[in-house]
């Protein structure tokens, strides 16, 4: 049986939720792979993956506040990816996944606020 909160959720909201979660998980995996396995030796830049782990539970629980501050946090990764794009594929993927995460979080918040009952 579904709870009242999940029963009335429009499919678009669920789609943006899962896109945001997938982009966040993709960013975490990319950061780990990029700084642990792709270079000749691991670097401490792998710690960039830690802040990305914090919003994961909130996104899965549909917490509106988490979507809002995640859309701000992700701009650090957009800047990092944009500044390093000339280095190859990992920064370009970081940039793309960060922008996807930002758009998904923004759409999720906008649609939920539009569908909210007064």
N, C-alpha and C. Protein backbone atom coordinates (compact mmCIF):
# COMPACT_ATOMS: atom_id res chain seq x y z
N UNK A 1 0.84 -1.18 0.00
CA UNK A 1 0.00 0.00 0.00
C UNK A 1 0.88 1.24 0.00
N UNK A 2 0.50 2.23 -0.81
CA UNK A 2 1.30 3.44 -0.91
C UNK A 2 0.86 4.46 0.13
N UNK A 3 1.82 5.23 0.58
CA UNK A 3 1.50 6.30 1.52
C UNK A 3 0.85 7.44 0.74
N UNK A 4 0.10 8.32 1.41
CA UNK A 4 -0.52 9.45 0.72
C UNK A 4 0.48 10.35 0.02
N UNK A 5 1.69 10.42 0.56
CA UNK A 5 2.71 11.29 -0.03
C UNK A 5 3.15 10.77 -1.39
N UNK A 6 3.33 9.46 -1.55
CA UNK A 6 3.80 8.92 -2.81
C UNK A 6 2.68 8.63 -3.78
N UNK A 7 1.44 8.53 -3.31
CA UNK A 7 0.32 8.20 -4.19
C UNK A 7 0.00 9.34 -5.15
N UNK A 8 0.14 10.58 -4.72
CA UNK A 8 -0.23 11.72 -5.53
C UNK A 8 0.95 12.36 -6.26
N UNK A 9 2.07 11.68 -6.34
CA UNK A 9 3.26 12.24 -6.97
C UNK A 9 3.13 12.09 -8.49
N UNK A 10 3.17 13.22 -9.23
CA UNK A 10 3.10 13.14 -10.69
C UNK A 10 4.32 12.40 -11.26
N UNK A 11 4.15 11.74 -12.38
CA UNK A 11 5.27 11.01 -12.99
C UNK A 11 6.46 11.90 -13.35
N UNK A 12 6.21 13.16 -13.68
CA UNK A 12 7.32 14.06 -14.02
C UNK A 12 8.20 14.31 -12.81
N UNK A 13 7.60 14.42 -11.63
CA UNK A 13 8.37 14.63 -10.41
C UNK A 13 9.23 13.41 -10.13
N UNK A 14 8.67 12.23 -10.30
CA UNK A 14 9.45 11.00 -10.10
C UNK A 14 10.59 10.92 -11.12
N UNK A 15 10.33 11.32 -12.36
CA UNK A 15 11.37 11.28 -13.39
C UNK A 15 12.52 12.22 -13.03
N UNK A 16 12.19 13.44 -12.60
CA UNK A 16 13.26 14.37 -12.25
C UNK A 16 14.01 13.89 -11.02
N UNK A 17 13.30 13.24 -10.11
CA UNK A 17 13.96 12.69 -8.91
C UNK A 17 14.99 11.64 -9.31
N UNK A 18 14.59 10.70 -10.17
CA UNK A 18 15.51 9.63 -10.55
C UNK A 18 16.64 10.13 -11.45
N UNK A 19 16.38 11.14 -12.25
CA UNK A 19 17.46 11.73 -13.06
C UNK A 19 18.48 12.39 -12.13
N UNK A 20 18.00 13.10 -11.12
CA UNK A 20 18.91 13.75 -10.17
C UNK A 20 19.73 12.72 -9.40
N UNK A 21 19.08 11.65 -8.96
CA UNK A 21 19.81 10.61 -8.21
C UNK A 21 20.84 9.93 -9.11
N UNK A 22 20.46 9.64 -10.36
CA UNK A 22 21.40 9.00 -11.28
C UNK A 22 22.60 9.90 -11.59
N UNK A 23 22.34 11.19 -11.80
CA UNK A 23 23.44 12.12 -12.07
C UNK A 23 24.35 12.26 -10.86
N UNK A 24 23.76 12.28 -9.66
CA UNK A 24 24.57 12.38 -8.44
C UNK A 24 25.43 11.13 -8.26
N UNK A 25 24.83 9.96 -8.45
CA UNK A 25 25.62 8.72 -8.35
C UNK A 25 26.70 8.67 -9.43
N UNK A 26 26.37 9.14 -10.62
CA UNK A 26 27.37 9.20 -11.69
C UNK A 26 28.53 10.10 -11.34
N UNK A 27 28.23 11.25 -10.72
CA UNK A 27 29.31 12.15 -10.29
C UNK A 27 30.18 11.52 -9.22
N UNK A 28 29.56 10.81 -8.28
CA UNK A 28 30.34 10.16 -7.22
C UNK A 28 31.27 9.10 -7.82
N UNK A 29 30.72 8.26 -8.68
CA UNK A 29 31.53 7.21 -9.32
C UNK A 29 32.64 7.82 -10.17
N UNK A 30 32.31 8.88 -10.91
CA UNK A 30 33.31 9.55 -11.74
C UNK A 30 34.45 10.11 -10.89
N UNK A 31 34.11 10.77 -9.78
CA UNK A 31 35.16 11.33 -8.93
C UNK A 31 36.06 10.23 -8.38
N UNK A 32 35.46 9.13 -7.95
CA UNK A 32 36.27 8.02 -7.43
C UNK A 32 37.16 7.42 -8.51
N UNK A 33 36.60 7.18 -9.68
CA UNK A 33 37.38 6.59 -10.77
C UNK A 33 38.47 7.54 -11.25
N UNK A 34 38.12 8.81 -11.38
CA UNK A 34 39.05 9.80 -11.92
C UNK A 34 40.25 10.00 -11.01
N UNK A 35 40.04 9.97 -9.72
CA UNK A 35 41.15 10.29 -8.80
C UNK A 35 41.76 9.08 -8.11
N UNK A 36 41.18 7.90 -8.28
CA UNK A 36 41.77 6.70 -7.69
C UNK A 36 42.36 5.76 -8.73
N UNK A 37 41.61 5.52 -9.82
CA UNK A 37 42.05 4.48 -10.76
C UNK A 37 42.61 5.01 -12.06
N UNK A 38 42.16 6.15 -12.53
CA UNK A 38 42.62 6.63 -13.82
C UNK A 38 44.04 7.21 -13.80
N UNK A 39 44.46 7.91 -12.75
CA UNK A 39 45.85 8.41 -12.77
C UNK A 39 46.85 7.30 -12.45
N UNK A 40 48.11 7.62 -12.64
CA UNK A 40 49.16 6.64 -12.35
C UNK A 40 49.18 6.29 -10.86
N UNK A 41 48.89 7.27 -10.02
CA UNK A 41 48.79 7.00 -8.58
C UNK A 41 47.63 7.80 -8.01
N UNK A 42 47.00 7.27 -6.99
CA UNK A 42 45.83 7.96 -6.41
C UNK A 42 46.20 9.33 -5.84
N UNK A 43 45.23 10.23 -5.87
CA UNK A 43 45.48 11.57 -5.32
C UNK A 43 44.43 11.90 -4.26
N UNK A 44 44.73 12.91 -3.49
CA UNK A 44 43.81 13.34 -2.44
C UNK A 44 42.60 14.08 -3.00
N UNK A 45 42.60 14.36 -4.31
CA UNK A 45 41.44 15.00 -4.92
C UNK A 45 40.22 14.09 -4.87
N UNK A 46 40.42 12.84 -4.50
CA UNK A 46 39.29 11.91 -4.37
C UNK A 46 38.33 12.39 -3.28
N UNK A 47 38.80 13.25 -2.40
CA UNK A 47 37.95 13.79 -1.34
C UNK A 47 36.83 14.67 -1.90
N UNK A 48 36.93 15.05 -3.18
CA UNK A 48 35.86 15.81 -3.81
C UNK A 48 34.57 15.00 -3.88
N UNK A 49 34.65 13.69 -3.75
CA UNK A 49 33.45 12.85 -3.79
C UNK A 49 32.66 12.89 -2.49
N UNK A 50 33.30 13.24 -1.38
CA UNK A 50 32.61 13.24 -0.08
C UNK A 50 31.43 14.20 0.01
N UNK A 51 31.56 15.46 -0.42
CA UNK A 51 30.38 16.33 -0.33
C UNK A 51 29.21 15.85 -1.18
N UNK A 52 29.49 15.08 -2.21
CA UNK A 52 28.41 14.56 -3.05
C UNK A 52 27.62 13.44 -2.37
N UNK A 53 28.23 12.80 -1.39
CA UNK A 53 27.54 11.71 -0.68
C UNK A 53 26.50 12.23 0.31
N UNK A 54 26.66 13.45 0.75
CA UNK A 54 25.76 14.01 1.77
C UNK A 54 24.31 14.14 1.27
N UNK A 55 24.06 14.69 0.07
CA UNK A 55 22.66 14.88 -0.33
C UNK A 55 21.95 13.63 -0.84
N UNK A 56 22.65 12.52 -0.98
CA UNK A 56 22.03 11.34 -1.58
C UNK A 56 20.81 10.86 -0.80
N UNK A 57 20.90 10.78 0.50
CA UNK A 57 19.76 10.30 1.31
C UNK A 57 18.58 11.26 1.20
N UNK A 58 18.84 12.56 1.21
CA UNK A 58 17.77 13.54 1.10
C UNK A 58 17.07 13.50 -0.24
N UNK A 59 17.83 13.25 -1.32
CA UNK A 59 17.21 13.14 -2.63
C UNK A 59 16.32 11.91 -2.70
N UNK A 60 16.78 10.82 -2.13
CA UNK A 60 15.97 9.60 -2.13
C UNK A 60 14.71 9.73 -1.28
N UNK A 61 14.77 10.58 -0.24
CA UNK A 61 13.61 10.78 0.65
C UNK A 61 12.70 11.91 0.17
N UNK A 62 13.01 12.49 -0.97
CA UNK A 62 12.22 13.58 -1.56
C UNK A 62 12.19 14.84 -0.68
N UNK A 63 13.26 15.16 -0.02
CA UNK A 63 13.29 16.34 0.83
C UNK A 63 13.59 17.57 -0.03
N UNK A 64 12.62 18.47 -0.07
CA UNK A 64 12.70 19.65 -0.94
C UNK A 64 13.95 20.49 -0.63
N UNK A 65 14.27 20.65 0.64
CA UNK A 65 15.42 21.45 1.05
C UNK A 65 16.71 20.89 0.46
N UNK A 66 16.81 19.56 0.41
CA UNK A 66 18.02 18.93 -0.13
C UNK A 66 18.15 19.22 -1.62
N UNK A 67 17.04 19.19 -2.35
CA UNK A 67 17.10 19.52 -3.78
C UNK A 67 17.55 20.96 -3.99
N UNK A 68 17.12 21.84 -3.13
CA UNK A 68 17.49 23.24 -3.27
C UNK A 68 18.97 23.48 -3.03
N UNK A 69 19.52 22.95 -1.93
CA UNK A 69 20.93 23.24 -1.68
C UNK A 69 21.85 22.39 -2.54
N UNK A 70 21.38 21.25 -3.03
CA UNK A 70 22.19 20.47 -3.96
C UNK A 70 22.37 21.22 -5.27
N UNK A 71 21.32 21.95 -5.68
CA UNK A 71 21.45 22.72 -6.92
C UNK A 71 22.47 23.85 -6.77
N UNK A 72 22.76 24.26 -5.55
CA UNK A 72 23.81 25.26 -5.32
C UNK A 72 25.19 24.60 -5.19
N UNK A 73 25.24 23.47 -4.50
CA UNK A 73 26.50 22.74 -4.31
C UNK A 73 27.10 22.29 -5.64
N UNK A 74 26.25 21.90 -6.55
CA UNK A 74 26.73 21.32 -7.80
C UNK A 74 27.49 22.33 -8.66
N UNK A 75 27.30 23.62 -8.42
CA UNK A 75 28.02 24.62 -9.21
C UNK A 75 29.53 24.57 -8.97
N UNK A 76 29.97 24.08 -7.83
CA UNK A 76 31.41 23.89 -7.61
C UNK A 76 31.98 22.86 -8.59
N UNK A 77 31.20 21.83 -8.88
CA UNK A 77 31.63 20.79 -9.80
C UNK A 77 31.51 21.25 -11.25
N UNK A 78 30.54 22.12 -11.53
CA UNK A 78 30.44 22.71 -12.86
C UNK A 78 31.68 23.55 -13.13
N UNK A 79 32.07 24.36 -12.16
CA UNK A 79 33.27 25.19 -12.33
C UNK A 79 34.53 24.35 -12.48
N UNK A 80 34.65 23.30 -11.69
CA UNK A 80 35.82 22.43 -11.78
C UNK A 80 35.87 21.76 -13.15
N UNK A 81 34.75 21.24 -13.61
CA UNK A 81 34.72 20.59 -14.92
C UNK A 81 35.00 21.57 -16.05
N UNK A 82 34.46 22.78 -15.95
CA UNK A 82 34.68 23.78 -17.00
C UNK A 82 36.14 24.24 -17.04
N UNK A 83 36.74 24.37 -15.87
CA UNK A 83 38.13 24.83 -15.82
C UNK A 83 39.11 23.78 -16.33
N UNK A 84 38.74 22.50 -16.20
CA UNK A 84 39.66 21.43 -16.57
C UNK A 84 39.27 20.71 -17.85
N UNK A 85 38.34 21.22 -18.61
CA UNK A 85 37.82 20.52 -19.79
C UNK A 85 38.92 20.16 -20.78
N UNK A 86 39.96 20.95 -20.86
CA UNK A 86 41.05 20.67 -21.80
C UNK A 86 41.85 19.43 -21.40
N UNK A 87 41.67 18.94 -20.17
CA UNK A 87 42.43 17.78 -19.70
C UNK A 87 41.91 16.45 -20.24
N UNK A 88 40.74 16.43 -20.85
CA UNK A 88 40.26 15.18 -21.42
C UNK A 88 38.81 14.88 -21.08
N UNK A 89 38.47 13.60 -21.11
CA UNK A 89 37.09 13.16 -20.96
C UNK A 89 36.54 13.28 -19.53
N UNK A 90 37.28 12.93 -18.48
CA UNK A 90 36.67 13.02 -17.14
C UNK A 90 36.15 14.40 -16.76
N UNK A 91 36.87 15.48 -17.03
CA UNK A 91 36.29 16.80 -16.69
C UNK A 91 35.06 17.13 -17.53
N UNK A 92 35.06 16.70 -18.78
CA UNK A 92 33.88 16.95 -19.62
C UNK A 92 32.68 16.17 -19.10
N UNK A 93 32.89 14.95 -18.64
CA UNK A 93 31.81 14.18 -18.03
C UNK A 93 31.35 14.82 -16.73
N UNK A 94 32.29 15.33 -15.95
CA UNK A 94 31.94 16.02 -14.71
C UNK A 94 31.06 17.23 -15.01
N UNK A 95 31.42 17.98 -16.02
CA UNK A 95 30.64 19.15 -16.40
C UNK A 95 29.24 18.74 -16.85
N UNK A 96 29.15 17.73 -17.69
CA UNK A 96 27.84 17.29 -18.20
C UNK A 96 26.96 16.75 -17.07
N UNK A 97 27.50 15.89 -16.22
CA UNK A 97 26.71 15.33 -15.12
C UNK A 97 26.29 16.40 -14.13
N UNK A 98 27.15 17.37 -13.89
CA UNK A 98 26.81 18.46 -12.97
C UNK A 98 25.67 19.30 -13.52
N UNK A 99 25.71 19.60 -14.81
CA UNK A 99 24.63 20.37 -15.41
C UNK A 99 23.32 19.59 -15.43
N UNK A 100 23.40 18.29 -15.69
CA UNK A 100 22.20 17.45 -15.64
C UNK A 100 21.61 17.45 -14.23
N UNK A 101 22.46 17.32 -13.23
CA UNK A 101 22.00 17.34 -11.84
C UNK A 101 21.35 18.67 -11.50
N UNK A 102 21.94 19.78 -11.93
CA UNK A 102 21.37 21.09 -11.65
C UNK A 102 20.00 21.24 -12.28
N UNK A 103 19.88 20.87 -13.54
CA UNK A 103 18.59 21.00 -14.24
C UNK A 103 17.54 20.09 -13.60
N UNK A 104 17.91 18.86 -13.26
CA UNK A 104 16.96 17.94 -12.64
C UNK A 104 16.49 18.46 -11.29
N UNK A 105 17.40 18.98 -10.48
CA UNK A 105 17.01 19.53 -9.17
C UNK A 105 16.12 20.75 -9.34
N UNK A 106 16.48 21.62 -10.25
CA UNK A 106 15.67 22.82 -10.49
C UNK A 106 14.28 22.49 -10.98
N UNK A 107 14.17 21.56 -11.93
CA UNK A 107 12.85 21.16 -12.42
C UNK A 107 12.04 20.47 -11.33
N UNK A 108 12.70 19.64 -10.54
CA UNK A 108 12.00 18.94 -9.46
C UNK A 108 11.38 19.94 -8.49
N UNK A 109 12.14 20.92 -8.07
CA UNK A 109 11.64 21.93 -7.13
C UNK A 109 10.52 22.74 -7.77
N UNK A 110 10.71 23.17 -9.00
CA UNK A 110 9.71 23.99 -9.67
C UNK A 110 8.39 23.24 -9.84
N UNK A 111 8.46 22.00 -10.28
CA UNK A 111 7.23 21.23 -10.50
C UNK A 111 6.53 20.93 -9.18
N UNK A 112 7.31 20.59 -8.15
CA UNK A 112 6.68 20.31 -6.86
C UNK A 112 6.02 21.54 -6.27
N UNK A 113 6.64 22.70 -6.41
CA UNK A 113 6.03 23.93 -5.89
C UNK A 113 4.79 24.30 -6.69
N UNK A 114 4.80 24.06 -7.98
CA UNK A 114 3.64 24.36 -8.81
C UNK A 114 2.46 23.45 -8.45
N UNK A 115 2.75 22.20 -8.12
CA UNK A 115 1.70 21.23 -7.79
C UNK A 115 1.33 21.20 -6.31
N UNK A 116 1.98 22.02 -5.50
CA UNK A 116 1.71 22.03 -4.07
C UNK A 116 0.32 22.58 -3.79
N UNK A 117 -0.31 22.02 -2.79
CA UNK A 117 -1.63 22.50 -2.39
C UNK A 117 -1.44 23.69 -1.45
N UNK A 118 -2.23 24.76 -1.66
CA UNK A 118 -2.07 25.95 -0.80
C UNK A 118 -2.54 25.71 0.62
